[in-house]
């Protein structure tokens, strides 16, 4: 994230200005700009979300445990041992 802030030092101000412009346009006031606001907040946030999705017993917990290099989540492999 720090690399992005170094590349775009005015990112927060640019996002704030974009929201101001969206709110200032009368034609856009009738639209729900909540998704845009959410996306812009995430763009300047120091944290991010990762989602693991898949069917039951697909190995999601095992993958997360491997990425974290610890047995944090219960998985079938842990139950066997």
N, C-alpha and C. Protein backbone atom coordinates (compact mmCIF):
# COMPACT_ATOMS: atom_id res chain seq x y z
N UNK A 1 0.82 -1.19 0.00
CA UNK A 1 0.00 0.00 0.00
C UNK A 1 0.86 1.25 0.00
N UNK A 2 2.01 1.21 0.70
CA UNK A 2 2.87 2.39 0.75
C UNK A 2 3.41 2.72 -0.63
N UNK A 3 3.67 1.71 -1.47
CA UNK A 3 4.12 1.97 -2.84
C UNK A 3 3.05 2.73 -3.61
N UNK A 4 1.80 2.35 -3.42
CA UNK A 4 0.69 3.03 -4.10
C UNK A 4 0.59 4.48 -3.64
N UNK A 5 0.75 4.71 -2.34
CA UNK A 5 0.68 6.07 -1.83
C UNK A 5 1.86 6.90 -2.32
N UNK A 6 3.02 6.27 -2.49
CA UNK A 6 4.17 6.99 -3.04
C UNK A 6 3.93 7.34 -4.50
N UNK A 7 3.29 6.44 -5.24
CA UNK A 7 3.00 6.67 -6.65
C UNK A 7 1.89 7.69 -6.81
N UNK A 8 0.91 7.65 -5.92
CA UNK A 8 -0.26 8.55 -5.97
C UNK A 8 -0.37 9.29 -4.64
N UNK A 9 0.49 10.27 -4.40
CA UNK A 9 0.48 10.93 -3.09
C UNK A 9 -0.82 11.67 -2.78
N UNK A 10 -1.58 12.03 -3.79
CA UNK A 10 -2.83 12.76 -3.58
C UNK A 10 -4.06 11.86 -3.72
N UNK A 11 -3.88 10.57 -3.55
CA UNK A 11 -4.98 9.63 -3.77
C UNK A 11 -6.19 9.94 -2.89
N UNK A 12 -5.96 10.18 -1.62
CA UNK A 12 -7.07 10.49 -0.70
C UNK A 12 -7.80 11.75 -1.14
N UNK A 13 -7.06 12.79 -1.46
CA UNK A 13 -7.68 14.05 -1.89
C UNK A 13 -8.41 13.88 -3.22
N UNK A 14 -7.82 13.10 -4.12
CA UNK A 14 -8.46 12.85 -5.42
C UNK A 14 -9.78 12.09 -5.24
N UNK A 15 -9.80 11.11 -4.36
CA UNK A 15 -11.03 10.34 -4.09
C UNK A 15 -12.08 11.24 -3.45
N UNK A 16 -11.66 12.07 -2.51
CA UNK A 16 -12.60 13.00 -1.87
C UNK A 16 -13.19 13.97 -2.90
N UNK A 17 -12.34 14.46 -3.78
CA UNK A 17 -12.80 15.40 -4.82
C UNK A 17 -13.78 14.73 -5.77
N UNK A 18 -13.50 13.49 -6.13
CA UNK A 18 -14.40 12.74 -7.01
C UNK A 18 -15.77 12.58 -6.37
N UNK A 19 -15.81 12.27 -5.09
CA UNK A 19 -17.09 12.16 -4.38
C UNK A 19 -17.82 13.49 -4.34
N UNK A 20 -17.07 14.57 -4.13
CA UNK A 20 -17.69 15.90 -4.15
C UNK A 20 -18.32 16.19 -5.51
N UNK A 21 -17.61 15.84 -6.58
CA UNK A 21 -18.13 16.05 -7.92
C UNK A 21 -19.39 15.22 -8.18
N UNK A 22 -19.38 13.97 -7.72
CA UNK A 22 -20.55 13.12 -7.88
C UNK A 22 -21.76 13.69 -7.14
N UNK A 23 -21.53 14.20 -5.95
CA UNK A 23 -22.62 14.77 -5.16
C UNK A 23 -23.10 16.10 -5.74
N UNK A 24 -22.24 16.80 -6.46
CA UNK A 24 -22.59 18.11 -7.00
C UNK A 24 -23.43 18.03 -8.27
N UNK A 25 -23.39 16.92 -8.97
CA UNK A 25 -24.13 16.78 -10.23
C UNK A 25 -25.59 16.44 -9.95
N UNK A 26 -26.53 17.32 -10.30
CA UNK A 26 -27.94 17.07 -10.04
C UNK A 26 -28.46 15.78 -10.69
N UNK A 27 -27.98 15.46 -11.87
CA UNK A 27 -28.46 14.25 -12.56
C UNK A 27 -28.03 12.98 -11.83
N UNK A 28 -26.93 13.04 -11.10
CA UNK A 28 -26.43 11.86 -10.40
C UNK A 28 -27.03 11.69 -9.01
N UNK A 29 -27.69 12.71 -8.50
CA UNK A 29 -28.27 12.62 -7.16
C UNK A 29 -29.36 11.56 -7.06
N UNK A 30 -30.00 11.24 -8.17
CA UNK A 30 -31.05 10.23 -8.13
C UNK A 30 -30.49 8.81 -8.12
N UNK A 31 -29.20 8.66 -8.41
CA UNK A 31 -28.57 7.34 -8.42
C UNK A 31 -27.94 7.05 -7.06
N UNK A 32 -27.90 5.77 -6.72
CA UNK A 32 -27.24 5.35 -5.49
C UNK A 32 -25.74 5.27 -5.75
N UNK A 33 -24.99 6.17 -5.17
CA UNK A 33 -23.54 6.19 -5.38
C UNK A 33 -22.80 5.47 -4.23
N UNK A 34 -23.55 4.77 -3.39
CA UNK A 34 -22.94 4.04 -2.28
C UNK A 34 -21.86 3.07 -2.75
N UNK A 35 -22.08 2.28 -3.82
CA UNK A 35 -21.00 1.39 -4.27
C UNK A 35 -19.73 2.14 -4.69
N UNK A 36 -19.90 3.30 -5.28
CA UNK A 36 -18.74 4.12 -5.68
C UNK A 36 -18.01 4.61 -4.43
N UNK A 37 -18.78 5.09 -3.45
CA UNK A 37 -18.18 5.56 -2.20
C UNK A 37 -17.41 4.43 -1.51
N UNK A 38 -18.02 3.26 -1.45
CA UNK A 38 -17.38 2.11 -0.81
C UNK A 38 -16.09 1.74 -1.52
N UNK A 39 -16.13 1.71 -2.84
CA UNK A 39 -14.93 1.36 -3.61
C UNK A 39 -13.82 2.38 -3.42
N UNK A 40 -14.16 3.65 -3.41
CA UNK A 40 -13.14 4.68 -3.22
C UNK A 40 -12.55 4.62 -1.82
N UNK A 41 -13.37 4.33 -0.81
CA UNK A 41 -12.84 4.18 0.55
C UNK A 41 -11.88 3.01 0.63
N UNK A 42 -12.23 1.92 -0.04
CA UNK A 42 -11.34 0.75 -0.05
C UNK A 42 -10.04 1.05 -0.79
N UNK A 43 -10.11 1.91 -1.80
CA UNK A 43 -8.91 2.25 -2.58
C UNK A 43 -7.86 2.96 -1.74
N UNK A 44 -8.28 3.72 -0.75
CA UNK A 44 -7.34 4.47 0.08
C UNK A 44 -7.15 3.85 1.46
N UNK A 45 -7.81 2.74 1.71
CA UNK A 45 -7.71 2.07 3.00
C UNK A 45 -6.36 1.35 3.14
N UNK A 46 -5.79 1.36 4.34
CA UNK A 46 -4.51 0.64 4.53
C UNK A 46 -4.69 -0.87 4.66
N UNK A 47 -5.93 -1.34 4.71
CA UNK A 47 -6.20 -2.77 4.80
C UNK A 47 -6.97 -3.23 3.57
N UNK A 48 -7.05 -4.53 3.40
CA UNK A 48 -7.79 -5.08 2.29
C UNK A 48 -8.41 -6.40 2.71
N UNK A 49 -9.35 -6.88 1.90
CA UNK A 49 -10.05 -8.13 2.19
C UNK A 49 -9.68 -9.17 1.15
N UNK A 50 -9.55 -10.39 1.62
CA UNK A 50 -9.34 -11.52 0.72
C UNK A 50 -10.47 -12.50 0.99
N UNK A 51 -11.09 -12.99 -0.04
CA UNK A 51 -12.20 -13.92 0.10
C UNK A 51 -11.79 -15.26 -0.49
N UNK A 52 -12.03 -16.33 0.26
CA UNK A 52 -11.82 -17.68 -0.22
C UNK A 52 -13.20 -18.32 -0.36
N UNK A 53 -13.54 -18.71 -1.56
CA UNK A 53 -14.85 -19.31 -1.80
C UNK A 53 -14.68 -20.63 -2.54
N UNK A 54 -15.55 -21.56 -2.24
CA UNK A 54 -15.52 -22.85 -2.91
C UNK A 54 -16.48 -23.80 -2.24
N UNK A 55 -16.70 -24.94 -2.86
CA UNK A 55 -17.62 -25.92 -2.28
C UNK A 55 -17.07 -26.53 -0.99
N UNK A 56 -17.95 -27.20 -0.28
CA UNK A 56 -17.59 -27.89 0.96
C UNK A 56 -16.44 -28.86 0.69
N UNK A 57 -15.47 -28.88 1.59
CA UNK A 57 -14.31 -29.78 1.52
C UNK A 57 -13.47 -29.57 0.26
N UNK A 58 -13.37 -28.34 -0.19
CA UNK A 58 -12.56 -28.05 -1.38
C UNK A 58 -11.11 -27.74 -1.02
N UNK A 59 -10.81 -27.55 0.26
CA UNK A 59 -9.45 -27.26 0.68
C UNK A 59 -9.20 -25.80 1.04
N UNK A 60 -10.26 -25.04 1.26
CA UNK A 60 -10.10 -23.61 1.59
C UNK A 60 -9.33 -23.44 2.90
N UNK A 61 -9.72 -24.15 3.94
CA UNK A 61 -9.05 -24.03 5.24
C UNK A 61 -7.60 -24.50 5.15
N UNK A 62 -7.38 -25.56 4.42
CA UNK A 62 -6.02 -26.07 4.25
C UNK A 62 -5.14 -25.05 3.53
N UNK A 63 -5.69 -24.38 2.52
CA UNK A 63 -4.95 -23.35 1.80
C UNK A 63 -4.63 -22.17 2.71
N UNK A 64 -5.61 -21.73 3.48
CA UNK A 64 -5.38 -20.61 4.40
C UNK A 64 -4.32 -20.98 5.43
N UNK A 65 -4.41 -22.18 5.99
CA UNK A 65 -3.40 -22.64 6.95
C UNK A 65 -2.02 -22.66 6.32
N UNK A 66 -1.92 -23.12 5.07
CA UNK A 66 -0.63 -23.18 4.38
C UNK A 66 -0.09 -21.77 4.13
N UNK A 67 -0.95 -20.85 3.73
CA UNK A 67 -0.51 -19.48 3.48
C UNK A 67 -0.02 -18.79 4.76
N UNK A 68 -0.69 -19.09 5.87
CA UNK A 68 -0.33 -18.50 7.16
C UNK A 68 0.80 -19.25 7.85
N UNK A 69 1.16 -20.41 7.31
CA UNK A 69 2.21 -21.28 7.87
C UNK A 69 1.91 -21.65 9.32
N UNK A 70 0.63 -21.91 9.60
CA UNK A 70 0.22 -22.39 10.92
C UNK A 70 -1.15 -23.04 10.80
N UNK A 71 -1.50 -23.85 11.78
CA UNK A 71 -2.79 -24.54 11.75
C UNK A 71 -3.81 -23.70 12.51
N UNK A 72 -4.31 -22.67 11.86
CA UNK A 72 -5.26 -21.76 12.48
C UNK A 72 -6.69 -22.28 12.34
N UNK A 73 -7.03 -22.79 11.16
CA UNK A 73 -8.39 -23.23 10.87
C UNK A 73 -8.48 -24.76 10.87
N UNK A 74 -9.61 -25.26 11.34
CA UNK A 74 -9.86 -26.70 11.34
C UNK A 74 -10.02 -27.18 9.90
N UNK A 75 -9.39 -28.29 9.60
CA UNK A 75 -9.58 -28.90 8.27
C UNK A 75 -9.57 -30.41 8.43
N UNK A 76 -10.02 -31.12 7.43
CA UNK A 76 -10.12 -32.58 7.47
C UNK A 76 -8.75 -33.20 7.71
N UNK A 77 -7.69 -32.62 7.13
CA UNK A 77 -6.34 -33.14 7.31
C UNK A 77 -5.95 -33.06 8.78
N UNK A 78 -6.31 -31.96 9.46
CA UNK A 78 -5.99 -31.84 10.89
C UNK A 78 -6.77 -32.85 11.71
N UNK A 79 -7.99 -33.14 11.31
CA UNK A 79 -8.83 -34.08 12.05
C UNK A 79 -8.27 -35.50 11.96
N UNK A 80 -7.60 -35.84 10.85
CA UNK A 80 -7.05 -37.19 10.68
C UNK A 80 -5.87 -37.43 11.60
N UNK A 81 -5.12 -36.38 11.92
CA UNK A 81 -3.89 -36.55 12.71
C UNK A 81 -4.16 -36.64 14.18
